[in-house]
């Protein structure tokens, strides 16, 4: 099971939700853009490994395909901090195969935020926006991101997956991999040349306020269950920098009822 995908997806969701809340709530100055990749130093094409080789090396380094696929659900608990805005809170992320997801976040001074996908309906609840349904391109992106085994990068889900260069990212020499899914959405991921582990990436997603680009950087990897996962991540979206710390990950303990739609969301469905 791909907890890194769960974490990345949860971070992307929380980044968009938080950016929306902060911009509309007016809770302080935005942090400067932080952990983006530095100027790239392109290697000769012949020196670049195939993208599938890079991805498979990462999968092996975190525990292997069989270990990933042995799980059917995950429950992540952690905390989130936004130092520049003086905000902090608790975070929970649930996921289950094939493509169910839920994020719950509580921020001091703002309240509870939730965002989820039950396989068909995408939705968000926040103190500022109230209940909202996800539609159109946002819904399709949410469906794509919620794939429980997304870190395996099934070729059937992509137009192309290519290694584009060898470049520094967050102080580490990395292979930069470009991924274009069937809908034409482009993501970039960076894999540490030395360890093979994913160092981070960049992703652009639609939001109620238009396209938002997030840069995420993985910190130290630790073992949870059978798999290694980044215990910390930094995420920067629209100048809003977040630090996510993972306290625990439980596998195959998620009750499917957790993905049921809240009453406020049901009321929006015609």
C-alpha atoms as a PDB file:
ATOM      1  CA  UNK A   1       0.000   0.000   0.000  1.00  0.00           C
ATOM      2  CA  UNK A   2       1.359   3.408  -0.919  1.00  0.00           C
ATOM      3  CA  UNK A   3       1.289   5.588   2.216  1.00  0.00           C
ATOM      4  CA  UNK A   4       3.558   8.136   0.552  1.00  0.00           C
ATOM      5  CA  UNK A   5       0.793   8.684  -1.991  1.00  0.00           C
ATOM      6  CA  UNK A   6      -1.717   9.024   0.841  1.00  0.00           C
ATOM      7  CA  UNK A   7       0.483  11.558   2.574  1.00  0.00           C
ATOM      8  CA  UNK A   8       1.127  13.475  -0.617  1.00  0.00           C
ATOM      9  CA  UNK A   9      -2.551  13.478  -1.475  1.00  0.00           C
ATOM     10  CA  UNK A  10      -3.474  14.621   2.014  1.00  0.00           C
ATOM     11  CA  UNK A  11      -0.901  17.380   1.829  1.00  0.00           C
ATOM     12  CA  UNK A  12      -2.206  18.530  -1.517  1.00  0.00           C
ATOM     13  CA  UNK A  13      -5.738  18.579  -0.154  1.00  0.00           C
ATOM     14  CA  UNK A  14      -4.758  20.422   3.003  1.00  0.00           C
ATOM     15  CA  UNK A  15      -2.633  22.883   1.066  1.00  0.00           C
ATOM     16  CA  UNK A  16      -5.535  23.856  -1.162  1.00  0.00           C
ATOM     17  CA  UNK A  17      -7.999  23.954   1.717  1.00  0.00           C
ATOM     18  CA  UNK A  18      -5.662  25.971   3.921  1.00  0.00           C
ATOM     19  CA  UNK A  19      -4.759  28.404   1.181  1.00  0.00           C
ATOM     20  CA  UNK A  20      -8.443  29.049   0.593  1.00  0.00           C
ATOM     21  CA  UNK A  21      -9.105  29.546   4.293  1.00  0.00           C
ATOM     22  CA  UNK A  22      -6.103  31.803   4.840  1.00  0.00           C
ATOM     23  CA  UNK A  23      -6.785  34.003   1.839  1.00  0.00           C
ATOM     24  CA  UNK A  24     -10.430  34.472   2.788  1.00  0.00           C
ATOM     25  CA  UNK A  25      -9.962  34.452   6.562  1.00  0.00           C
ATOM     26  CA  UNK A  26      -7.136  36.982   6.558  1.00  0.00           C
ATOM     27  CA  UNK A  27      -5.158  35.254   9.311  1.00  0.00           C
ATOM     28  CA  UNK A  28      -1.813  36.888   8.749  1.00  0.00           C
ATOM     29  CA  UNK A  29       0.960  37.427   6.210  1.00  0.00           C
ATOM     30  CA  UNK A  30       1.776  34.578   3.857  1.00  0.00           C
ATOM     31  CA  UNK A  31       5.105  32.840   4.129  1.00  0.00           C
ATOM     32  CA  UNK A  32       7.594  33.237   1.314  1.00  0.00           C
ATOM     33  CA  UNK A  33       7.889  30.366  -1.159  1.00  0.00           C
ATOM     34  CA  UNK A  34      10.261  27.903   0.416  1.00  0.00           C
ATOM     35  CA  UNK A  35      11.442  24.512  -0.727  1.00  0.00           C
ATOM     36  CA  UNK A  36      11.409  24.577  -4.515  1.00  0.00           C
ATOM     37  CA  UNK A  37      14.017  22.917  -6.697  1.00  0.00           C
ATOM     38  CA  UNK A  38      17.149  24.926  -7.400  1.00  0.00           C
ATOM     39  CA  UNK A  39      18.506  25.732 -10.822  1.00  0.00           C
ATOM     40  CA  UNK A  40      18.754  22.492 -12.767  1.00  0.00           C
ATOM     41  CA  UNK A  41      22.003  21.152 -14.155  1.00  0.00           C
ATOM     42  CA  UNK A  42      21.005  18.947 -17.026  1.00  0.00           C
ATOM     43  CA  UNK A  43      22.897  15.733 -17.625  1.00  0.00           C
ATOM     44  CA  UNK A  44      23.515  14.194 -20.998  1.00  0.00           C
ATOM     45  CA  UNK A  45      20.473  12.194 -22.125  1.00  0.00           C
ATOM     46  CA  UNK A  46      22.525   8.986 -22.271  1.00  0.00           C
ATOM     47  CA  UNK A  47      23.281   9.311 -18.541  1.00  0.00           C
ATOM     48  CA  UNK A  48      19.645   9.394 -17.496  1.00  0.00           C
ATOM     49  CA  UNK A  49      18.031   6.155 -16.328  1.00  0.00           C
ATOM     50  CA  UNK A  50      14.604   5.181 -17.615  1.00  0.00           C
ATOM     51  CA  UNK A  51      11.795   6.611 -15.486  1.00  0.00           C
ATOM     52  CA  UNK A  52      10.405   3.145 -14.752  1.00  0.00           C
ATOM     53  CA  UNK A  53      13.812   2.133 -13.394  1.00  0.00           C
ATOM     54  CA  UNK A  54      13.856   5.209 -11.136  1.00  0.00           C
ATOM     55  CA  UNK A  55      10.335   4.556  -9.846  1.00  0.00           C
ATOM     56  CA  UNK A  56      10.895   0.827  -9.313  1.00  0.00           C
ATOM     57  CA  UNK A  57      14.083   1.582  -7.389  1.00  0.00           C
ATOM     58  CA  UNK A  58      12.089   3.828  -5.047  1.00  0.00           C
ATOM     59  CA  UNK A  59       9.381   1.176  -4.608  1.00  0.00           C
ATOM     60  CA  UNK A  60      12.044  -1.395  -3.698  1.00  0.00           C
ATOM     61  CA  UNK A  61      13.762   1.034  -1.307  1.00  0.00           C
ATOM     62  CA  UNK A  62      10.585   1.683   0.711  1.00  0.00           C
ATOM     63  CA  UNK A  63       9.758  -2.002   1.101  1.00  0.00           C
ATOM     64  CA  UNK A  64       8.684  -3.406  -2.245  1.00  0.00           C
ATOM     65  CA  UNK A  65       5.603  -3.816  -4.407  1.00  0.00           C
ATOM     66  CA  UNK A  66       4.328  -6.865  -2.530  1.00  0.00           C
ATOM     67  CA  UNK A  67       4.451  -5.014   0.799  1.00  0.00           C
ATOM     68  CA  UNK A  68       2.576  -2.047  -0.690  1.00  0.00           C
ATOM     69  CA  UNK A  69      -0.132  -4.265  -2.150  1.00  0.00           C
ATOM     70  CA  UNK A  70      -0.556  -6.268   1.043  1.00  0.00           C
ATOM     71  CA  UNK A  71      -2.527  -3.406   2.632  1.00  0.00           C
ATOM     72  CA  UNK A  72      -6.091  -2.373   1.879  1.00  0.00           C
ATOM     73  CA  UNK A  73      -6.473   0.735   4.051  1.00  0.00           C
ATOM     74  CA  UNK A  74      -4.448   3.224   6.065  1.00  0.00           C
ATOM     75  CA  UNK A  75      -4.992   5.702   8.886  1.00  0.00           C
ATOM     76  CA  UNK A  76      -2.406   8.444   9.339  1.00  0.00           C
ATOM     77  CA  UNK A  77      -2.267  10.644  12.430  1.00  0.00           C
ATOM     78  CA  UNK A  78      -0.053  13.677  12.722  1.00  0.00           C
ATOM     79  CA  UNK A  79       0.170  17.391  13.189  1.00  0.00           C
ATOM     80  CA  UNK A  80       0.470  20.390  10.947  1.00  0.00           C
ATOM     81  CA  UNK A  81       2.314  23.646  11.617  1.00  0.00           C
ATOM     82  CA  UNK A  82       2.384  26.935   9.729  1.00  0.00           C
ATOM     83  CA  UNK A  83       5.072  28.925  11.580  1.00  0.00           C
ATOM     84  CA  UNK A  84       4.783  32.146   9.588  1.00  0.00           C
ATOM     85  CA  UNK A  85       1.066  32.348  10.347  1.00  0.00           C
ATOM     86  CA  UNK A  86       1.268  31.118  13.926  1.00  0.00           C
ATOM     87  CA  UNK A  87      -1.114  28.261  13.166  1.00  0.00           C
ATOM     88  CA  UNK A  88      -0.905  24.633  14.231  1.00  0.00           C
ATOM     89  CA  UNK A  89      -3.241  21.727  14.646  1.00  0.00           C
ATOM     90  CA  UNK A  90      -3.970  18.038  14.354  1.00  0.00           C
ATOM     91  CA  UNK A  91      -4.362  16.052  11.161  1.00  0.00           C
ATOM     92  CA  UNK A  92      -5.863  12.689  10.253  1.00  0.00           C
ATOM     93  CA  UNK A  93      -5.872  11.046   6.818  1.00  0.00           C
ATOM     94  CA  UNK A  94      -7.797   7.917   5.894  1.00  0.00           C
ATOM     95  CA  UNK A  95      -7.506   5.955   2.663  1.00  0.00           C
ATOM     96  CA  UNK A  96      -8.766   2.637   1.331  1.00  0.00           C
ATOM     97  CA  UNK A  97      -8.656   0.812  -1.946  1.00  0.00           C
ATOM     98  CA  UNK A  98      -9.548   1.339  -4.657  1.00  0.00           C
ATOM     99  CA  UNK A  99      -9.833   5.141  -4.324  1.00  0.00           C
ATOM    100  CA  UNK A 100     -11.401   6.298  -1.053  1.00  0.00           C
ATOM    101  CA  UNK A 101      -9.897   9.210   0.873  1.00  0.00           C
ATOM    102  CA  UNK A 102     -10.681  11.519   3.763  1.00  0.00           C
ATOM    103  CA  UNK A 103      -8.702  14.279   5.450  1.00  0.00           C
ATOM    104  CA  UNK A 104      -9.647  15.823   8.793  1.00  0.00           C
ATOM    105  CA  UNK A 105      -7.768  18.812  10.129  1.00  0.00           C
ATOM    106  CA  UNK A 106      -8.348  20.976  13.198  1.00  0.00           C
ATOM    107  CA  UNK A 107      -6.586  24.347  13.379  1.00  0.00           C
ATOM    108  CA  UNK A 108      -6.561  26.442  16.537  1.00  0.00           C
ATOM    109  CA  UNK A 109      -8.432  29.685  15.943  1.00  0.00           C
ATOM    110  CA  UNK A 110     -10.001  28.499  12.682  1.00  0.00           C
ATOM    111  CA  UNK A 111     -11.768  25.231  13.404  1.00  0.00           C
ATOM    112  CA  UNK A 112     -12.319  21.942  11.621  1.00  0.00           C
ATOM    113  CA  UNK A 113     -11.659  21.317   7.935  1.00  0.00           C
ATOM    114  CA  UNK A 114     -12.577  18.150   6.073  1.00  0.00           C
ATOM    115  CA  UNK A 115     -12.085  17.011   2.516  1.00  0.00           C
ATOM    116  CA  UNK A 116     -12.947  13.669   1.002  1.00  0.00           C
ATOM    117  CA  UNK A 117     -13.743  11.405  -1.918  1.00  0.00           C
ATOM    118  CA  UNK A 118     -15.997   8.352  -1.603  1.00  0.00           C
ATOM    119  CA  UNK A 119     -15.264   6.905  -5.037  1.00  0.00           C
ATOM    120  CA  UNK A 120     -17.883   9.082  -6.734  1.00  0.00           C
ATOM    121  CA  UNK A 121     -18.414  12.318  -4.808  1.00  0.00           C
ATOM    122  CA  UNK A 122     -15.698  14.807  -3.915  1.00  0.00           C
ATOM    123  CA  UNK A 123     -16.391  17.360  -1.236  1.00  0.00           C
ATOM    124  CA  UNK A 124     -14.989  19.885   1.258  1.00  0.00           C
ATOM    125  CA  UNK A 125     -16.181  21.397   4.552  1.00  0.00           C
ATOM    126  CA  UNK A 126     -14.559  24.432   6.151  1.00  0.00           C
ATOM    127  CA  UNK A 127     -15.592  27.181   8.580  1.00  0.00           C
ATOM    128  CA  UNK A 128     -15.241  29.768   5.814  1.00  0.00           C
ATOM    129  CA  UNK A 129     -16.678  28.119   2.718  1.00  0.00           C
ATOM    130  CA  UNK A 130     -19.178  25.806   4.358  1.00  0.00           C
ATOM    131  CA  UNK A 131     -20.076  22.577   2.517  1.00  0.00           C
ATOM    132  CA  UNK A 132     -18.898  22.354  -1.099  1.00  0.00           C
ATOM    133  CA  UNK A 133     -19.048  19.688  -3.794  1.00  0.00           C
ATOM    134  CA  UNK A 134     -16.090  19.083  -6.088  1.00  0.00           C
ATOM    135  CA  UNK A 135     -16.972  19.090  -9.776  1.00  0.00           C
ATOM    136  CA  UNK A 136     -15.458  19.027 -13.249  1.00  0.00           C
ATOM    137  CA  UNK A 137     -11.685  18.924 -13.550  1.00  0.00           C
ATOM    138  CA  UNK A 138     -11.265  19.153  -9.767  1.00  0.00           C
ATOM    139  CA  UNK A 139     -13.329  15.994  -9.307  1.00  0.00           C
ATOM    140  CA  UNK A 140     -11.362  14.081 -11.933  1.00  0.00           C
ATOM    141  CA  UNK A 141      -8.072  15.120 -10.343  1.00  0.00           C
ATOM    142  CA  UNK A 142      -9.356  14.042  -6.937  1.00  0.00           C
ATOM    143  CA  UNK A 143     -10.371  10.683  -8.387  1.00  0.00           C
ATOM    144  CA  UNK A 144      -6.884  10.262  -9.870  1.00  0.00           C
ATOM    145  CA  UNK A 145      -5.060  11.281  -6.680  1.00  0.00           C
ATOM    146  CA  UNK A 146      -7.151   8.981  -4.487  1.00  0.00           C
ATOM    147  CA  UNK A 147      -5.889   5.802  -6.181  1.00  0.00           C
ATOM    148  CA  UNK A 148      -4.745   3.643  -3.259  1.00  0.00           C
ATOM    149  CA  UNK A 149      -1.820   2.189  -5.186  1.00  0.00           C
ATOM    150  CA  UNK A 150      -0.862   5.414  -6.946  1.00  0.00           C
ATOM    151  CA  UNK A 151       2.808   5.274  -5.934  1.00  0.00           C
ATOM    152  CA  UNK A 152       3.266   2.219  -8.168  1.00  0.00           C
ATOM    153  CA  UNK A 153       2.635   4.517 -11.167  1.00  0.00           C
ATOM    154  CA  UNK A 154       0.579   2.120 -13.268  1.00  0.00           C
ATOM    155  CA  UNK A 155       1.456   2.969 -16.916  1.00  0.00           C
ATOM    156  CA  UNK A 156      -2.226   2.603 -17.860  1.00  0.00           C
ATOM    157  CA  UNK A 157      -2.959   5.804 -15.929  1.00  0.00           C
ATOM    158  CA  UNK A 158      -0.424   7.958 -17.804  1.00  0.00           C
ATOM    159  CA  UNK A 159       0.225   9.381 -21.244  1.00  0.00           C
ATOM    160  CA  UNK A 160       3.927   9.448 -20.497  1.00  0.00           C
ATOM    161  CA  UNK A 161       6.457   9.005 -17.673  1.00  0.00           C
ATOM    162  CA  UNK A 162       9.968  10.252 -18.479  1.00  0.00           C
ATOM    163  CA  UNK A 163      13.211  11.139 -16.733  1.00  0.00           C
ATOM    164  CA  UNK A 164      13.915  14.681 -17.904  1.00  0.00           C
ATOM    165  CA  UNK A 165      17.129  15.623 -16.107  1.00  0.00           C
ATOM    166  CA  UNK A 166      19.464  15.174 -13.173  1.00  0.00           C
ATOM    167  CA  UNK A 167      19.035  18.207 -10.941  1.00  0.00           C
ATOM    168  CA  UNK A 168      19.523  19.416  -7.359  1.00  0.00           C
ATOM    169  CA  UNK A 169      16.397  19.438  -5.198  1.00  0.00           C
ATOM    170  CA  UNK A 170      16.401  20.452  -1.539  1.00  0.00           C
ATOM    171  CA  UNK A 171      20.171  20.011  -1.365  1.00  0.00           C
ATOM    172  CA  UNK A 172      20.099  16.519  -2.865  1.00  0.00           C
ATOM    173  CA  UNK A 173      21.131  15.397  -6.329  1.00  0.00           C
ATOM    174  CA  UNK A 174      18.007  13.922  -7.893  1.00  0.00           C
ATOM    175  CA  UNK A 175      16.494  12.474 -11.023  1.00  0.00           C
ATOM    176  CA  UNK A 176      13.578  14.639 -12.111  1.00  0.00           C
ATOM    177  CA  UNK A 177      10.694  12.567 -13.471  1.00  0.00           C
ATOM    178  CA  UNK A 178       7.869  14.109 -15.509  1.00  0.00           C
ATOM    179  CA  UNK A 179       4.485  12.391 -15.251  1.00  0.00           C
ATOM    180  CA  UNK A 180       1.581  13.294 -17.547  1.00  0.00           C
ATOM    181  CA  UNK A 181      -1.660  11.501 -16.773  1.00  0.00           C
ATOM    182  CA  UNK A 182      -4.407  10.589 -19.226  1.00  0.00           C
ATOM    183  CA  UNK A 183      -6.143  13.925 -18.628  1.00  0.00           C
ATOM    184  CA  UNK A 184      -2.955  15.812 -19.543  1.00  0.00           C
ATOM    185  CA  UNK A 185      -2.179  16.942 -15.970  1.00  0.00           C
ATOM    186  CA  UNK A 186       1.582  17.263 -15.476  1.00  0.00           C
ATOM    187  CA  UNK A 187       3.435  16.478 -12.243  1.00  0.00           C
ATOM    188  CA  UNK A 188       7.148  16.356 -11.437  1.00  0.00           C
ATOM    189  CA  UNK A 189       8.789  14.079  -8.875  1.00  0.00           C
ATOM    190  CA  UNK A 190      12.393  14.090  -7.654  1.00  0.00           C
ATOM    191  CA  UNK A 191      14.210  10.882  -6.675  1.00  0.00           C
ATOM    192  CA  UNK A 192      17.462  10.927  -4.698  1.00  0.00           C
ATOM    193  CA  UNK A 193      20.308   9.646  -6.890  1.00  0.00           C
ATOM    194  CA  UNK A 194      22.097   8.141  -3.879  1.00  0.00           C
ATOM    195  CA  UNK A 195      19.282   6.413  -1.997  1.00  0.00           C
ATOM    196  CA  UNK A 196      16.644   5.992  -4.682  1.00  0.00           C
ATOM    197  CA  UNK A 197      14.016   7.438  -2.338  1.00  0.00           C
ATOM    198  CA  UNK A 198      11.616  10.130  -3.465  1.00  0.00           C
ATOM    199  CA  UNK A 199      12.862  13.539  -2.279  1.00  0.00           C
ATOM    200  CA  UNK A 200       9.722  15.460  -3.166  1.00  0.00           C
ATOM    201  CA  UNK A 201       7.901  16.929  -6.112  1.00  0.00           C
ATOM    202  CA  UNK A 202       5.731  19.584  -7.685  1.00  0.00           C
ATOM    203  CA  UNK A 203       2.069  19.252  -8.567  1.00  0.00           C
ATOM    204  CA  UNK A 204      -0.562  21.607  -9.940  1.00  0.00           C
ATOM    205  CA  UNK A 205      -4.219  21.080  -9.107  1.00  0.00           C
ATOM    206  CA  UNK A 206      -7.455  22.932  -9.782  1.00  0.00           C
ATOM    207  CA  UNK A 207      -9.145  24.589  -6.811  1.00  0.00           C
ATOM    208  CA  UNK A 208     -12.165  26.839  -6.232  1.00  0.00           C
ATOM    209  CA  UNK A 209      -9.732  29.749  -6.678  1.00  0.00           C
ATOM    210  CA  UNK A 210      -8.140  28.413  -9.863  1.00  0.00           C
ATOM    211  CA  UNK A 211      -4.978  26.356 -10.454  1.00  0.00           C
ATOM    212  CA  UNK A 212      -2.640  25.972  -7.473  1.00  0.00           C
ATOM    213  CA  UNK A 213       0.908  24.642  -7.623  1.00  0.00           C
ATOM    214  CA  UNK A 214       2.372  22.887  -4.591  1.00  0.00           C
ATOM    215  CA  UNK A 215       5.996  21.983  -3.919  1.00  0.00           C
ATOM    216  CA  UNK A 216       6.490  19.226  -1.351  1.00  0.00           C
ATOM    217  CA  UNK A 217       9.755  18.065   0.182  1.00  0.00           C
ATOM    218  CA  UNK A 218      10.169  14.772   2.018  1.00  0.00           C
ATOM    219  CA  UNK A 219      12.145  14.704   5.248  1.00  0.00           C
ATOM    220  CA  UNK A 220      13.572  11.716   7.107  1.00  0.00           C
ATOM    221  CA  UNK A 221      12.147   8.324   6.177  1.00  0.00           C
ATOM    222  CA  UNK A 222      11.022   6.027   8.996  1.00  0.00           C
ATOM    223  CA  UNK A 223       9.493   2.581   9.045  1.00  0.00           C
ATOM    224  CA  UNK A 224       5.770   2.208   9.715  1.00  0.00           C
ATOM    225  CA  UNK A 225       4.608  -1.352   9.409  1.00  0.00           C
ATOM    226  CA  UNK A 226       6.328  -2.981   6.430  1.00  0.00           C
ATOM    227  CA  UNK A 227       7.125   0.271   4.643  1.00  0.00           C
ATOM    228  CA  UNK A 228       9.362   3.320   4.882  1.00  0.00           C
ATOM    229  CA  UNK A 229       7.620   6.696   4.737  1.00  0.00           C
ATOM    230  CA  UNK A 230       8.745  10.306   5.117  1.00  0.00           C
ATOM    231  CA  UNK A 231       8.024  11.215   8.744  1.00  0.00           C
ATOM    232  CA  UNK A 232       8.035  14.922   7.887  1.00  0.00           C
ATOM    233  CA  UNK A 233       7.118  16.947   4.839  1.00  0.00           C
ATOM    234  CA  UNK A 234       7.223  20.597   3.929  1.00  0.00           C
ATOM    235  CA  UNK A 235       4.558  21.827   1.552  1.00  0.00           C
ATOM    236  CA  UNK A 236       4.400  25.256  -0.065  1.00  0.00           C
ATOM    237  CA  UNK A 237       1.256  26.394  -1.897  1.00  0.00           C
ATOM    238  CA  UNK A 238       0.637  29.993  -2.957  1.00  0.00           C
ATOM    239  CA  UNK A 239       3.276  31.116  -0.489  1.00  0.00           C
ATOM    240  CA  UNK A 240       1.610  29.220   2.377  1.00  0.00           C
ATOM    241  CA  UNK A 241       4.232  26.929   3.911  1.00  0.00           C
ATOM    242  CA  UNK A 242       3.165  23.958   6.001  1.00  0.00           C
ATOM    243  CA  UNK A 243       5.152  21.404   7.971  1.00  0.00           C
ATOM    244  CA  UNK A 244       3.511  18.030   8.323  1.00  0.00           C
ATOM    245  CA  UNK A 245       4.754  15.601  10.976  1.00  0.00           C
ATOM    246  CA  UNK A 246       3.533  11.999  10.995  1.00  0.00           C
ATOM    247  CA  UNK A 247       3.060  10.474  14.451  1.00  0.00           C
ATOM    248  CA  UNK A 248       1.561   7.112  13.516  1.00  0.00           C
ATOM    249  CA  UNK A 249       0.283   5.025  10.616  1.00  0.00           C
ATOM    250  CA  UNK A 250      -2.132   2.127  11.091  1.00  0.00           C
ATOM    251  CA  UNK A 251      -2.947  -0.374   8.375  1.00  0.00           C
ATOM    252  CA  UNK A 252      -6.153  -2.256   7.644  1.00  0.00           C
ATOM    253  CA  UNK A 253      -8.020  -0.784  10.621  1.00  0.00           C
ATOM    254  CA  UNK A 254     -10.229   1.712   8.755  1.00  0.00           C
ATOM    255  CA  UNK A 255     -13.995   1.251   9.008  1.00  0.00           C
ATOM    256  CA  UNK A 256     -15.570   1.946   5.599  1.00  0.00           C
ATOM    257  CA  UNK A 257     -18.198   4.067   7.344  1.00  0.00           C
ATOM    258  CA  UNK A 258     -15.576   6.794   7.767  1.00  0.00           C
ATOM    259  CA  UNK A 259     -15.952   7.582   4.052  1.00  0.00           C
ATOM    260  CA  UNK A 260     -19.698   8.153   4.248  1.00  0.00           C
ATOM    261  CA  UNK A 261     -20.786  11.636   3.211  1.00  0.00           C
ATOM    262  CA  UNK A 262     -21.559  14.157   5.975  1.00  0.00           C
ATOM    263  CA  UNK A 263     -25.196  15.260   6.146  1.00  0.00           C
ATOM    264  CA  UNK A 264     -24.267  18.781   5.013  1.00  0.00           C
ATOM    265  CA  UNK A 265     -22.764  17.317   1.827  1.00  0.00           C
ATOM    266  CA  UNK A 266     -25.685  14.961   1.216  1.00  0.00           C
ATOM    267  CA  UNK A 267     -27.964  17.982   1.291  1.00  0.00           C
ATOM    268  CA  UNK A 268     -26.106  19.453  -1.722  1.00  0.00           C
ATOM    269  CA  UNK A 269     -26.576  16.385  -3.923  1.00  0.00           C
ATOM    270  CA  UNK A 270     -29.626  16.615  -6.151  1.00  0.00           C
END
